[in-house]
PDB file of N, CA and C in Angstrom:
ATOM      1  N   MET A   1     -19.043 -11.667   2.096  1.00  0.00           N
ATOM      2  CA  MET A   1     -18.262 -12.045   1.160  1.00  0.00           C
ATOM      3  C   MET A   1     -17.130 -10.548   0.864  1.00  0.00           C
ATOM      4  N   LEU A   2     -16.307 -10.688   1.145  1.00  0.00           N
ATOM      5  CA  LEU A   2     -14.969  -9.319   0.636  1.00  0.00           C
ATOM      6  C   LEU A   2     -15.516  -9.017  -0.660  1.00  0.00           C
ATOM      7  N   SER A   3     -15.068  -7.843  -0.930  1.00  0.00           N
ATOM      8  CA  SER A   3     -15.080  -7.359  -2.432  1.00  0.00           C
ATOM      9  C   SER A   3     -13.560  -7.828  -2.507  1.00  0.00           C
ATOM     10  N   PRO A   4     -13.148  -7.833  -4.117  1.00  0.00           N
ATOM     11  CA  PRO A   4     -11.928  -8.101  -4.688  1.00  0.00           C
ATOM     12  C   PRO A   4     -10.856  -7.181  -3.561  1.00  0.00           C
ATOM     13  N   GLY A   5     -11.035  -6.010  -3.985  1.00  0.00           N
ATOM     14  CA  GLY A   5     -10.255  -5.097  -3.119  1.00  0.00           C
ATOM     15  C   GLY A   5     -10.113  -5.517  -1.797  1.00  0.00           C
ATOM     16  N   ARG A   6     -10.862  -5.693  -1.003  1.00  0.00           N
ATOM     17  CA  ARG A   6     -10.807  -6.094   0.340  1.00  0.00           C
ATOM     18  C   ARG A   6     -10.074  -7.161   0.612  1.00  0.00           C
ATOM     19  N   GLN A   7     -10.069  -7.835  -0.608  1.00  0.00           N
ATOM     20  CA  GLN A   7      -9.329  -9.048  -0.333  1.00  0.00           C
ATOM     21  C   GLN A   7      -7.752  -9.041  -0.484  1.00  0.00           C
ATOM     22  N   GLY A   8      -7.749  -8.173  -1.209  1.00  0.00           N
ATOM     23  CA  GLY A   8      -6.252  -7.855  -1.903  1.00  0.00           C
ATOM     24  C   GLY A   8      -5.613  -6.943  -0.534  1.00  0.00           C
ATOM     25  N   GLU A   9      -6.578  -6.074  -0.044  1.00  0.00           N
ATOM     26  CA  GLU A   9      -6.038  -5.670   0.982  1.00  0.00           C
ATOM     27  C   GLU A   9      -5.842  -6.781   2.303  1.00  0.00           C
ATOM     28  N   GLU A  10      -6.661  -7.515   2.259  1.00  0.00           N
ATOM     29  CA  GLU A  10      -6.594  -8.540   3.749  1.00  0.00           C
ATOM     30  C   GLU A  10      -5.131  -9.559   3.543  1.00  0.00           C
ATOM     31  N   ILE A  11      -5.199  -9.794   2.209  1.00  0.00           N
ATOM     32  CA  ILE A  11      -3.537 -10.763   1.941  1.00  0.00           C
ATOM     33  C   ILE A  11      -2.421  -9.386   2.091  1.00  0.00           C
ATOM     34  N   ALA A  12      -2.334  -8.322   1.567  1.00  0.00           N
ATOM     35  CA  ALA A  12      -1.308  -7.256   1.758  1.00  0.00           C
ATOM     36  C   ALA A  12      -1.312  -7.422   3.242  1.00  0.00           C
ATOM     37  N   ALA A  13      -2.093  -7.180   4.238  1.00  0.00           N
ATOM     38  CA  ALA A  13      -1.885  -6.855   5.610  1.00  0.00           C
ATOM     39  C   ALA A  13      -1.405  -7.972   6.083  1.00  0.00           C
ATOM     40  N   CYS A  14      -1.872  -9.158   6.418  1.00  0.00           N
ATOM     41  CA  CYS A  14      -1.305 -10.263   6.157  1.00  0.00           C
ATOM     42  C   CYS A  14       0.321 -10.708   5.894  1.00  0.00           C
ATOM     43  N   TYR A  15       0.656 -10.187   4.737  1.00  0.00           N
ATOM     44  CA  TYR A  15       1.929 -10.458   4.405  1.00  0.00           C
ATOM     45  C   TYR A  15       3.105  -9.571   4.937  1.00  0.00           C
ATOM     46  N   LEU A  16       2.397  -8.387   5.143  1.00  0.00           N
ATOM     47  CA  LEU A  16       3.247  -7.076   5.773  1.00  0.00           C
ATOM     48  C   LEU A  16       3.436  -7.370   7.496  1.00  0.00           C
ATOM     49  N   GLU A  17       2.543  -7.910   7.862  1.00  0.00           N
ATOM     50  CA  GLU A  17       2.135  -8.421   9.314  1.00  0.00           C
ATOM     51  C   GLU A  17       3.930  -9.522   9.603  1.00  0.00           C
ATOM     52  N   LEU A  18       3.441 -10.636   8.781  1.00  0.00           N
ATOM     53  CA  LEU A  18       4.312 -11.678   8.706  1.00  0.00           C
ATOM     54  C   LEU A  18       5.937 -11.059   8.117  1.00  0.00           C
ATOM     55  N   GLN A  19       5.871  -9.962   7.455  1.00  0.00           N
ATOM     56  CA  GLN A  19       7.222  -9.409   7.529  1.00  0.00           C
ATOM     57  C   GLN A  19       7.696  -8.517   8.587  1.00  0.00           C
ATOM     58  N   GLY A  20       6.859  -8.339   9.842  1.00  0.00           N
ATOM     59  CA  GLY A  20       7.228  -8.023  10.566  1.00  0.00           C
ATOM     60  C   GLY A  20       7.117  -6.354  10.561  1.00  0.00           C
ATOM     61  N   CYS A  21       5.816  -5.853   9.890  1.00  0.00           N
ATOM     62  CA  CYS A  21       5.517  -4.534   9.682  1.00  0.00           C
ATOM     63  C   CYS A  21       4.091  -4.334  10.654  1.00  0.00           C
ATOM     64  N   ALA A  22       4.175  -3.519  11.624  1.00  0.00           N
ATOM     65  CA  ALA A  22       2.865  -3.141  12.108  1.00  0.00           C
ATOM     66  C   ALA A  22       1.785  -2.609  11.548  1.00  0.00           C
ATOM     67  N   VAL A  23       0.480  -3.339  10.848  1.00  0.00           N
ATOM     68  CA  VAL A  23      -0.322  -2.528  10.499  1.00  0.00           C
ATOM     69  C   VAL A  23      -0.915  -1.736  11.354  1.00  0.00           C
ATOM     70  N   LEU A  24      -1.203  -0.398  11.555  1.00  0.00           N
ATOM     71  CA  LEU A  24      -1.615   0.383  12.303  1.00  0.00           C
ATOM     72  C   LEU A  24      -3.562   0.728  12.089  1.00  0.00           C
ATOM     73  N   GLN A  25      -3.709   0.600  10.615  1.00  0.00           N
ATOM     74  CA  GLN A  25      -4.712   1.363   9.687  1.00  0.00           C
ATOM     75  C   GLN A  25      -5.067   0.763   8.656  1.00  0.00           C
ATOM     76  N   ARG A  26      -6.190   0.656   8.564  1.00  0.00           N
ATOM     77  CA  ARG A  26      -7.158   0.309   7.187  1.00  0.00           C
ATOM     78  C   ARG A  26      -7.780   1.240   6.590  1.00  0.00           C
ATOM     79  N   ASN A  27      -7.548   1.489   5.311  1.00  0.00           N
ATOM     80  CA  ASN A  27      -8.480   2.344   4.459  1.00  0.00           C
ATOM     81  C   ASN A  27      -8.695   3.853   5.298  1.00  0.00           C
ATOM     82  N   VAL A  28      -7.240   4.379   5.630  1.00  0.00           N
ATOM     83  CA  VAL A  28      -7.047   6.025   6.414  1.00  0.00           C
ATOM     84  C   VAL A  28      -7.770   6.880   5.696  1.00  0.00           C
ATOM     85  N   ARG A  29      -8.624   7.828   5.407  1.00  0.00           N
ATOM     86  CA  ARG A  29      -8.486   8.989   4.899  1.00  0.00           C
ATOM     87  C   ARG A  29      -8.385  10.065   5.318  1.00  0.00           C
ATOM     88  N   HIS A  30      -7.365  10.519   4.399  1.00  0.00           N
ATOM     89  CA  HIS A  30      -6.611  11.621   4.546  1.00  0.00           C
ATOM     90  C   HIS A  30      -5.935  12.754   3.506  1.00  0.00           C
ATOM     91  N   ALA A  31      -6.221  14.224   3.542  1.00  0.00           N
ATOM     92  CA  ALA A  31      -5.803  14.880   2.793  1.00  0.00           C
ATOM     93  C   ALA A  31      -6.344  14.525   1.164  1.00  0.00           C
ATOM     94  N   GLU A  32      -7.362  13.729   1.153  1.00  0.00           N
ATOM     95  CA  GLU A  32      -8.934  13.497  -0.019  1.00  0.00           C
ATOM     96  C   GLU A  32      -8.023  12.337  -0.662  1.00  0.00           C
ATOM     97  N   VAL A  33      -7.672  11.627   0.134  1.00  0.00           N
ATOM     98  CA  VAL A  33      -6.901  10.499  -0.624  1.00  0.00           C
ATOM     99  C   VAL A  33      -7.113   9.173   0.636  1.00  0.00           C
ATOM    100  N   GLU A  34      -7.552   7.775   0.141  1.00  0.00           N
ATOM    101  CA  GLU A  34      -7.595   6.524   1.029  1.00  0.00           C
ATOM    102  C   GLU A  34      -6.236   6.037   0.962  1.00  0.00           C
ATOM    103  N   ILE A  35      -5.683   5.881   2.021  1.00  0.00           N
ATOM    104  CA  ILE A  35      -4.495   5.103   1.785  1.00  0.00           C
ATOM    105  C   ILE A  35      -5.042   3.361   1.950  1.00  0.00           C
ATOM    106  N   ASP A  36      -4.927   2.795   1.375  1.00  0.00           N
ATOM    107  CA  ASP A  36      -5.334   1.276   2.121  1.00  0.00           C
ATOM    108  C   ASP A  36      -4.327   0.584   3.272  1.00  0.00           C
ATOM    109  N   LEU A  37      -3.450   1.208   3.442  1.00  0.00           N
ATOM    110  CA  LEU A  37      -2.819   0.360   4.927  1.00  0.00           C
ATOM    111  C   LEU A  37      -1.940   1.619   5.226  1.00  0.00           C
ATOM    112  N   LEU A  38      -1.882   1.762   6.715  1.00  0.00           N
ATOM    113  CA  LEU A  38      -0.575   2.621   7.327  1.00  0.00           C
ATOM    114  C   LEU A  38      -0.369   1.396   8.603  1.00  0.00           C
ATOM    115  N   GLY A  39       1.278   1.830   8.263  1.00  0.00           N
ATOM    116  CA  GLY A  39       2.224   0.681   8.688  1.00  0.00           C
ATOM    117  C   GLY A  39       3.143   1.225   9.732  1.00  0.00           C
ATOM    118  N   ARG A  40       3.933   0.684  10.433  1.00  0.00           N
ATOM    119  CA  ARG A  40       5.190   1.142  11.125  1.00  0.00           C
ATOM    120  C   ARG A  40       6.439   0.385  11.096  1.00  0.00           C
ATOM    121  N   GLU A  41       7.299   0.460  10.746  1.00  0.00           N
ATOM    122  CA  GLU A  41       8.522  -0.298  10.992  1.00  0.00           C
ATOM    123  C   GLU A  41       9.604   0.326  11.713  1.00  0.00           C
ATOM    124  N   GLY A  42       9.469   0.172  13.006  1.00  0.00           N
ATOM    125  CA  GLY A  42      10.597   0.818  13.605  1.00  0.00           C
ATOM    126  C   GLY A  42       9.793   2.126  13.941  1.00  0.00           C
ATOM    127  N   ARG A  43      10.716   3.310  13.206  1.00  0.00           N
ATOM    128  CA  ARG A  43      10.173   4.630  13.616  1.00  0.00           C
ATOM    129  C   ARG A  43      10.030   5.391  12.229  1.00  0.00           C
ATOM    130  N   CYS A  44       9.673   4.355  10.907  1.00  0.00           N
ATOM    131  CA  CYS A  44       9.189   4.479   9.665  1.00  0.00           C
ATOM    132  C   CYS A  44       7.600   4.466   9.667  1.00  0.00           C
ATOM    133  N   LEU A  45       7.227   5.518   9.431  1.00  0.00           N
ATOM    134  CA  LEU A  45       5.559   5.501   9.106  1.00  0.00           C
ATOM    135  C   LEU A  45       5.750   5.101   7.258  1.00  0.00           C
ATOM    136  N   VAL A  46       4.411   3.637   7.034  1.00  0.00           N
ATOM    137  CA  VAL A  46       4.892   3.146   6.019  1.00  0.00           C
ATOM    138  C   VAL A  46       3.180   3.590   5.359  1.00  0.00           C
ATOM    139  N   LEU A  47       3.213   4.062   4.136  1.00  0.00           N
ATOM    140  CA  LEU A  47       1.661   3.898   3.514  1.00  0.00           C
ATOM    141  C   LEU A  47       2.000   2.873   2.652  1.00  0.00           C
ATOM    142  N   VAL A  48       0.740   2.161   2.344  1.00  0.00           N
ATOM    143  CA  VAL A  48       1.104   1.193   1.532  1.00  0.00           C
ATOM    144  C   VAL A  48      -0.521   1.212   0.416  1.00  0.00           C
ATOM    145  N   GLU A  49      -0.006   1.492  -0.612  1.00  0.00           N
ATOM    146  CA  GLU A  49      -1.008   1.434  -1.424  1.00  0.00           C
ATOM    147  C   GLU A  49      -1.215  -0.118  -1.871  1.00  0.00           C
ATOM    148  N   VAL A  50      -2.260  -0.611  -2.291  1.00  0.00           N
ATOM    149  CA  VAL A  50      -2.297  -2.065  -2.981  1.00  0.00           C
ATOM    150  C   VAL A  50      -3.438  -2.219  -3.779  1.00  0.00           C
ATOM    151  N   LYS A  51      -2.537  -3.002  -5.165  1.00  0.00           N
ATOM    152  CA  LYS A  51      -3.308  -3.221  -6.126  1.00  0.00           C
ATOM    153  C   LYS A  51      -3.738  -4.198  -6.601  1.00  0.00           C
ATOM    154  N   LEU A  52      -4.545  -4.871  -7.018  1.00  0.00           N
ATOM    155  CA  LEU A  52      -5.323  -6.440  -7.150  1.00  0.00           C
ATOM    156  C   LEU A  52      -5.680  -6.591  -8.335  1.00  0.00           C
ATOM    157  N   ARG A  53      -5.236  -7.516  -9.342  1.00  0.00           N
ATOM    158  CA  ARG A  53      -5.514  -7.486 -10.798  1.00  0.00           C
ATOM    159  C   ARG A  53      -6.334  -8.953 -10.728  1.00  0.00           C
ATOM    160  N   THR A  54      -7.135  -9.398 -11.184  1.00  0.00           N
ATOM    161  CA  THR A  54      -7.798 -10.925 -11.474  1.00  0.00           C
ATOM    162  C   THR A  54      -7.667 -11.415 -12.970  1.00  0.00           C
ATOM    163  N   ASP A  55      -7.254 -11.768 -13.850  1.00  0.00           N
ATOM    164  CA  ASP A  55      -7.283 -12.448 -15.169  1.00  0.00           C
ATOM    165  C   ASP A  55      -6.897 -10.821 -15.721  1.00  0.00           C
ATOM    166  N   GLY A  56      -6.087  -9.811 -15.515  1.00  0.00           N
ATOM    167  CA  GLY A  56      -5.846  -8.793 -15.969  1.00  0.00           C
ATOM    168  C   GLY A  56      -4.826  -8.604 -17.339  1.00  0.00           C
ATOM    169  N   LEU A  57      -4.849  -7.779 -17.821  1.00  0.00           N
ATOM    170  CA  LEU A  57      -4.003  -7.179 -19.209  1.00  0.00           C
ATOM    171  C   LEU A  57      -3.098  -6.800 -18.875  1.00  0.00           C
ATOM    172  N   VAL A  58      -2.874  -5.681 -17.650  1.00  0.00           N
ATOM    173  CA  VAL A  58      -2.037  -5.031 -17.097  1.00  0.00           C
ATOM    174  C   VAL A  58      -2.000  -5.415 -15.969  1.00  0.00           C
ATOM    175  N   PRO A  59      -0.449  -5.644 -15.579  1.00  0.00           N
ATOM    176  CA  PRO A  59       0.443  -6.115 -14.194  1.00  0.00           C
ATOM    177  C   PRO A  59      -0.332  -5.056 -13.516  1.00  0.00           C
ATOM    178  N   ALA A  60      -0.724  -5.578 -11.993  1.00  0.00           N
ATOM    179  CA  ALA A  60      -1.138  -4.561 -10.881  1.00  0.00           C
ATOM    180  C   ALA A  60       0.365  -3.844 -10.748  1.00  0.00           C
ATOM    181  N   ARG A  61       1.145  -4.008 -10.779  1.00  0.00           N
ATOM    182  CA  ARG A  61       2.622  -3.260 -10.284  1.00  0.00           C
ATOM    183  C   ARG A  61       2.235  -1.971 -11.477  1.00  0.00           C
ATOM    184  N   ASP A  62       1.712  -2.021 -12.510  1.00  0.00           N
ATOM    185  CA  ASP A  62       1.669  -0.623 -13.482  1.00  0.00           C
ATOM    186  C   ASP A  62       0.142   0.071 -13.074  1.00  0.00           C
ATOM    187  N   ALA A  63      -0.453  -0.549 -12.195  1.00  0.00           N
ATOM    188  CA  ALA A  63      -1.861   0.055 -11.933  1.00  0.00           C
ATOM    189  C   ALA A  63      -1.888   1.830 -10.976  1.00  0.00           C
ATOM    190  N   LEU A  64      -0.667   2.185 -10.973  1.00  0.00           N
ATOM    191  CA  LEU A  64      -0.534   3.339 -10.231  1.00  0.00           C
ATOM    192  C   LEU A  64      -0.456   3.973 -10.956  1.00  0.00           C
ATOM    193  N   SER A  65      -1.483   5.122 -11.046  1.00  0.00           N
ATOM    194  CA  SER A  65      -1.694   6.194 -11.859  1.00  0.00           C
ATOM    195  C   SER A  65      -0.688   7.568 -10.930  1.00  0.00           C
ATOM    196  N   ARG A  66      -0.533   8.758 -12.086  1.00  0.00           N
ATOM    197  CA  ARG A  66       0.930   9.579 -11.812  1.00  0.00           C
ATOM    198  C   ARG A  66      -0.317  10.343 -10.626  1.00  0.00           C
ATOM    199  N   ARG A  67      -1.992  10.437 -11.065  1.00  0.00           N
ATOM    200  CA  ARG A  67      -2.455  11.260  -9.748  1.00  0.00           C
ATOM    201  C   ARG A  67      -2.605  10.319  -8.604  1.00  0.00           C
ATOM    202  N   GLN A  68      -2.480   9.555  -8.463  1.00  0.00           N
ATOM    203  CA  GLN A  68      -2.705   8.858  -7.096  1.00  0.00           C
ATOM    204  C   GLN A  68      -1.254   8.945  -6.419  1.00  0.00           C
ATOM    205  N   GLU A  69      -0.591   8.827  -7.596  1.00  0.00           N
ATOM    206  CA  GLU A  69       1.200   9.020  -7.139  1.00  0.00           C
ATOM    207  C   GLU A  69       1.398  10.534  -6.245  1.00  0.00           C
ATOM    208  N   GLN A  70       0.586  11.399  -6.339  1.00  0.00           N
ATOM    209  CA  GLN A  70       0.629  12.729  -6.288  1.00  0.00           C
ATOM    210  C   GLN A  70      -0.321  12.994  -4.871  1.00  0.00           C
ATOM    211  N   ARG A  71      -1.125  12.525  -4.958  1.00  0.00           N
ATOM    212  CA  ARG A  71      -2.113  12.120  -4.031  1.00  0.00           C
ATOM    213  C   ARG A  71      -1.485  11.794  -2.556  1.00  0.00           C
ATOM    214  N   LEU A  72      -0.808  10.495  -2.953  1.00  0.00           N
ATOM    215  CA  LEU A  72      -0.082   9.989  -1.874  1.00  0.00           C
ATOM    216  C   LEU A  72       1.315  10.716  -1.075  1.00  0.00           C
ATOM    217  N   LEU A  73       1.697  11.417  -1.889  1.00  0.00           N
ATOM    218  CA  LEU A  73       2.681  12.212  -1.402  1.00  0.00           C
ATOM    219  C   LEU A  73       2.274  13.267  -0.855  1.00  0.00           C
ATOM    220  N   ARG A  74       1.276  13.991  -1.244  1.00  0.00           N
ATOM    221  CA  ARG A  74       0.740  14.895  -0.102  1.00  0.00           C
ATOM    222  C   ARG A  74       0.252  14.447   1.181  1.00  0.00           C
ATOM    223  N   ALA A  75      -0.398  12.908   0.945  1.00  0.00           N
ATOM    224  CA  ALA A  75      -1.088  12.712   2.448  1.00  0.00           C
ATOM    225  C   ALA A  75      -0.168  12.311   2.872  1.00  0.00           C
ATOM    226  N   ALA A  76       1.398  11.400   2.387  1.00  0.00           N
ATOM    227  CA  ALA A  76       2.594  11.234   3.345  1.00  0.00           C
ATOM    228  C   ALA A  76       3.184  12.108   3.845  1.00  0.00           C
ATOM    229  N   GLN A  77       3.450  13.407   3.603  1.00  0.00           N
ATOM    230  CA  GLN A  77       3.611  14.745   4.193  1.00  0.00           C
ATOM    231  C   GLN A  77       2.720  15.144   5.416  1.00  0.00           C
ATOM    232  N   ALA A  78       1.412  15.028   5.044  1.00  0.00           N
ATOM    233  CA  ALA A  78       0.406  15.550   5.980  1.00  0.00           C
ATOM    234  C   ALA A  78       0.370  14.131   7.570  1.00  0.00           C
ATOM    235  N   LEU A  79       0.174  13.213   6.938  1.00  0.00           N
ATOM    236  CA  LEU A  79       0.639  12.077   7.958  1.00  0.00           C
ATOM    237  C   LEU A  79       1.716  12.091   8.857  1.00  0.00           C
ATOM    238  N   LEU A  80       2.683  12.351   8.156  1.00  0.00           N
ATOM    239  CA  LEU A  80       4.367  12.470   8.933  1.00  0.00           C
ATOM    240  C   LEU A  80       4.224  13.413  10.196  1.00  0.00           C
ATOM    241  N   ALA A  81       3.596  14.461   9.747  1.00  0.00           N
ATOM    242  CA  ALA A  81       3.174  15.551  11.134  1.00  0.00           C
ATOM    243  C   ALA A  81       2.306  15.053  11.959  1.00  0.00           C
ATOM    244  N   ARG A  82       1.677  14.312  11.485  1.00  0.00           N
ATOM    245  CA  ARG A  82       0.600  13.821  12.819  1.00  0.00           C
ATOM    246  C   ARG A  82       1.002  12.451  13.446  1.00  0.00           C
ATOM    247  N   HIS A  83       2.497  12.401  13.178  1.00  0.00           N
ATOM    248  CA  HIS A  83       2.734  11.171  14.179  1.00  0.00           C
ATOM    249  C   HIS A  83       4.101  11.299  14.357  1.00  0.00           C
ATOM    250  N   PRO A  84       4.156  12.206  15.664  1.00  0.00           N
ATOM    251  CA  PRO A  84       5.559  12.427  16.048  1.00  0.00           C
ATOM    252  C   PRO A  84       6.865  11.807  16.305  1.00  0.00           C
ATOM    253  N   TRP A  85       6.088  10.037  16.740  1.00  0.00           N
ATOM    254  CA  TRP A  85       7.551   9.070  16.696  1.00  0.00           C
ATOM    255  C   TRP A  85       8.366   8.589  15.026  1.00  0.00           C
ATOM    256  N   ALA A  86       7.505   9.203  14.492  1.00  0.00           N
ATOM    257  CA  ALA A  86       8.304   8.981  13.259  1.00  0.00           C
ATOM    258  C   ALA A  86       9.017   9.622  12.784  1.00  0.00           C
ATOM    259  N   GLU A  87      10.459   9.014  12.143  1.00  0.00           N
ATOM    260  CA  GLU A  87      11.613   9.805  11.526  1.00  0.00           C
ATOM    261  C   GLU A  87      11.349   9.797  10.555  1.00  0.00           C
ATOM    262  N   GLN A  88      10.807   8.994   9.512  1.00  0.00           N
ATOM    263  CA  GLN A  88      10.568   9.297   8.175  1.00  0.00           C
ATOM    264  C   GLN A  88       9.564   8.432   7.698  1.00  0.00           C
ATOM    265  N   VAL A  89       9.041   8.841   6.520  1.00  0.00           N
ATOM    266  CA  VAL A  89       7.525   7.606   6.314  1.00  0.00           C
ATOM    267  C   VAL A  89       7.993   7.507   4.656  1.00  0.00           C
ATOM    268  N   ARG A  90       7.822   6.285   4.002  1.00  0.00           N
ATOM    269  CA  ARG A  90       7.998   5.761   2.977  1.00  0.00           C
ATOM    270  C   ARG A  90       6.607   5.052   2.510  1.00  0.00           C
ATOM    271  N   ILE A  91       6.452   5.374   0.680  1.00  0.00           N
ATOM    272  CA  ILE A  91       5.223   4.952  -0.074  1.00  0.00           C
ATOM    273  C   ILE A  91       5.431   3.512  -0.467  1.00  0.00           C
ATOM    274  N   ASP A  92       5.057   2.693  -0.320  1.00  0.00           N
ATOM    275  CA  ASP A  92       5.029   1.389  -0.631  1.00  0.00           C
ATOM    276  C   ASP A  92       3.777   1.039  -1.426  1.00  0.00           C
ATOM    277  N   LEU A  93       3.862  -0.082  -2.510  1.00  0.00           N
ATOM    278  CA  LEU A  93       3.018  -0.896  -3.744  1.00  0.00           C
ATOM    279  C   LEU A  93       3.265  -2.218  -3.490  1.00  0.00           C
ATOM    280  N   ILE A  94       1.882  -2.719  -3.173  1.00  0.00           N
ATOM    281  CA  ILE A  94       1.724  -4.563  -2.996  1.00  0.00           C
ATOM    282  C   ILE A  94       0.855  -4.781  -4.394  1.00  0.00           C
ATOM    283  N   ALA A  95       1.407  -5.057  -4.821  1.00  0.00           N
ATOM    284  CA  ALA A  95       0.693  -5.641  -6.104  1.00  0.00           C
ATOM    285  C   ALA A  95       0.563  -7.101  -6.349  1.00  0.00           C
ATOM    286  N   ILE A  96      -0.504  -7.529  -6.342  1.00  0.00           N
ATOM    287  CA  ILE A  96      -0.832  -8.922  -6.265  1.00  0.00           C
ATOM    288  C   ILE A  96      -1.912  -8.898  -7.955  1.00  0.00           C
ATOM    289  N   ASP A  97      -1.338 -10.114  -8.426  1.00  0.00           N
ATOM    290  CA  ASP A  97      -2.185 -10.674  -9.493  1.00  0.00           C
ATOM    291  C   ASP A  97      -2.061 -12.259  -9.624  1.00  0.00           C
ATOM    292  N   HIS A  98      -3.776 -11.959 -10.247  1.00  0.00           N
ATOM    293  CA  HIS A  98      -4.298 -13.596  -9.362  1.00  0.00           C
ATOM    294  C   HIS A  98      -5.039 -14.060 -10.918  1.00  0.00           C
ATOM    295  N   GLU A  99      -4.097 -15.336 -11.139  1.00  0.00           N
ATOM    296  CA  GLU A  99      -4.730 -15.909 -12.278  1.00  0.00           C
ATOM    297  C   GLU A  99      -5.705 -16.930 -12.387  1.00  0.00           C
ATOM    298  N   ARG A 100      -6.940 -16.566 -12.226  1.00  0.00           N
ATOM    299  CA  ARG A 100      -8.092 -17.865 -11.999  1.00  0.00           C
ATOM    300  C   ARG A 100      -7.905 -19.063 -12.724  1.00  0.00           C
ATOM    301  N   ARG A 101      -7.516 -18.865 -14.160  1.00  0.00           N
ATOM    302  CA  ARG A 101      -7.260 -20.297 -14.530  1.00  0.00           C
ATOM    303  C   ARG A 101      -6.357 -21.108 -14.475  1.00  0.00           C
ATOM    304  N   ALA A 102      -5.426 -20.544 -13.750  1.00  0.00           N
ATOM    305  CA  ALA A 102      -4.237 -21.192 -13.253  1.00  0.00           C
ATOM    306  C   ALA A 102      -4.335 -21.599 -11.709  1.00  0.00           C
ATOM    307  N   GLY A 103      -5.164 -20.804 -11.350  1.00  0.00           N
ATOM    308  CA  GLY A 103      -4.560 -20.812  -9.849  1.00  0.00           C
ATOM    309  C   GLY A 103      -3.907 -20.394  -8.974  1.00  0.00           C
ATOM    310  N   ARG A 104      -3.287 -19.412  -9.871  1.00  0.00           N
ATOM    311  CA  ARG A 104      -1.930 -18.493  -8.922  1.00  0.00           C
ATOM    312  C   ARG A 104      -2.524 -17.235  -8.768  1.00  0.00           C
ATOM    313  N   LEU A 105      -1.585 -17.255  -7.632  1.00  0.00           N
ATOM    314  CA  LEU A 105      -1.756 -15.598  -7.219  1.00  0.00           C
ATOM    315  C   LEU A 105      -0.273 -15.277  -6.979  1.00  0.00           C
ATOM    316  N   GLN A 106       0.327 -14.118  -7.215  1.00  0.00           N
ATOM    317  CA  GLN A 106       1.647 -13.877  -7.056  1.00  0.00           C
ATOM    318  C   GLN A 106       1.540 -12.005  -6.578  1.00  0.00           C
ATOM    319  N   LEU A 107       2.603 -12.315  -5.512  1.00  0.00           N
ATOM    320  CA  LEU A 107       2.481 -10.744  -4.832  1.00  0.00           C
ATOM    321  C   LEU A 107       3.689 -10.127  -4.822  1.00  0.00           C
ATOM    322  N   GLU A 108       3.946  -8.654  -5.088  1.00  0.00           N
ATOM    323  CA  GLU A 108       5.307  -8.011  -5.182  1.00  0.00           C
ATOM    324  C   GLU A 108       4.642  -7.032  -4.173  1.00  0.00           C
ATOM    325  N   HIS A 109       6.219  -6.629  -3.417  1.00  0.00           N
ATOM    326  CA  HIS A 109       6.401  -5.643  -2.631  1.00  0.00           C
ATOM    327  C   HIS A 109       7.150  -4.878  -2.756  1.00  0.00           C
ATOM    328  N   TRP A 110       6.819  -3.631  -3.259  1.00  0.00           N
ATOM    329  CA  TRP A 110       7.760  -2.537  -4.136  1.00  0.00           C
ATOM    330  C   TRP A 110       7.995  -1.842  -2.973  1.00  0.00           C
ATOM    331  N   ARG A 111       8.885  -1.488  -2.158  1.00  0.00           N
ATOM    332  CA  ARG A 111       9.350  -0.584  -0.988  1.00  0.00           C
ATOM    333  C   ARG A 111      10.044   0.781  -1.842  1.00  0.00           C
ATOM    334  N   GLY A 112       9.261   1.476  -0.894  1.00  0.00           N
ATOM    335  CA  GLY A 112       9.623   3.272  -1.604  1.00  0.00           C
ATOM    336  C   GLY A 112       9.488   3.296  -2.937  1.00  0.00           C
ATOM    337  N   VAL A 113       8.175   3.449  -3.664  1.00  0.00           N
ATOM    338  CA  VAL A 113       7.796   3.578  -4.629  1.00  0.00           C
ATOM    339  C   VAL A 113       7.742   4.867  -5.836  1.00  0.00           C
ATOM    340  N   LEU A 114       7.490   5.922  -3.965  1.00  0.00           N
ATOM    341  CA  LEU A 114       8.022   7.172  -4.384  1.00  0.00           C
ATOM    342  C   LEU A 114       8.950   7.333  -3.197  1.00  0.00           C
ATOM    343  N   PRO A 115      10.338   7.559  -3.851  1.00  0.00           N
ATOM    344  CA  PRO A 115      11.097   8.126  -3.006  1.00  0.00           C
ATOM    345  C   PRO A 115      11.350   9.643  -2.635  1.00  0.00           C
ATOM    346  N   ARG A 116      11.473   9.916  -2.043  1.00  0.00           N
ATOM    347  CA  ARG A 116      11.482  11.263  -1.620  1.00  0.00           C
ATOM    348  C   ARG A 116      11.701  11.750  -0.175  1.00  0.00           C
ATOM    349  N   SER A 117      12.440  13.060   0.091  1.00  0.00           N
ATOM    350  CA  SER A 117      12.942  13.266   1.733  1.00  0.00           C
ATOM    351  C   SER A 117      12.291  14.169   2.144  1.00  0.00           C
ATOM    352  N   TRP A 118      11.549  14.307   3.250  1.00  0.00           N
ATOM    353  CA  TRP A 118      11.081  15.570   3.682  1.00  0.00           C
ATOM    354  C   TRP A 118      11.825  16.156   4.621  1.00  0.00           C
TER     355      TRP A 118
END
């Protein structure tokens, strides 16, 4: 059985592929950070952070810390240099809230949560 975090990543990967984003890698460790999903949309390299909250008091979209943001920015810069086909990089957040009692799963995709040009 998959851990809740891995389940969230699996849901997010399926969602991204349905949206036309090719998932290149999962759980990529780079620049001292783990990137949940690494994708490609055309010539854009997409780093995706996945947050899953089950019956949480705080929505999943609010779970990205400042420290994680800084690490993701560093990793994005380094990964862009390693992928010569990429003309740009984008950092997305996929927030999944699971309410067990209501039997409800809600997914939100936030594109470019850390806008920055390199």
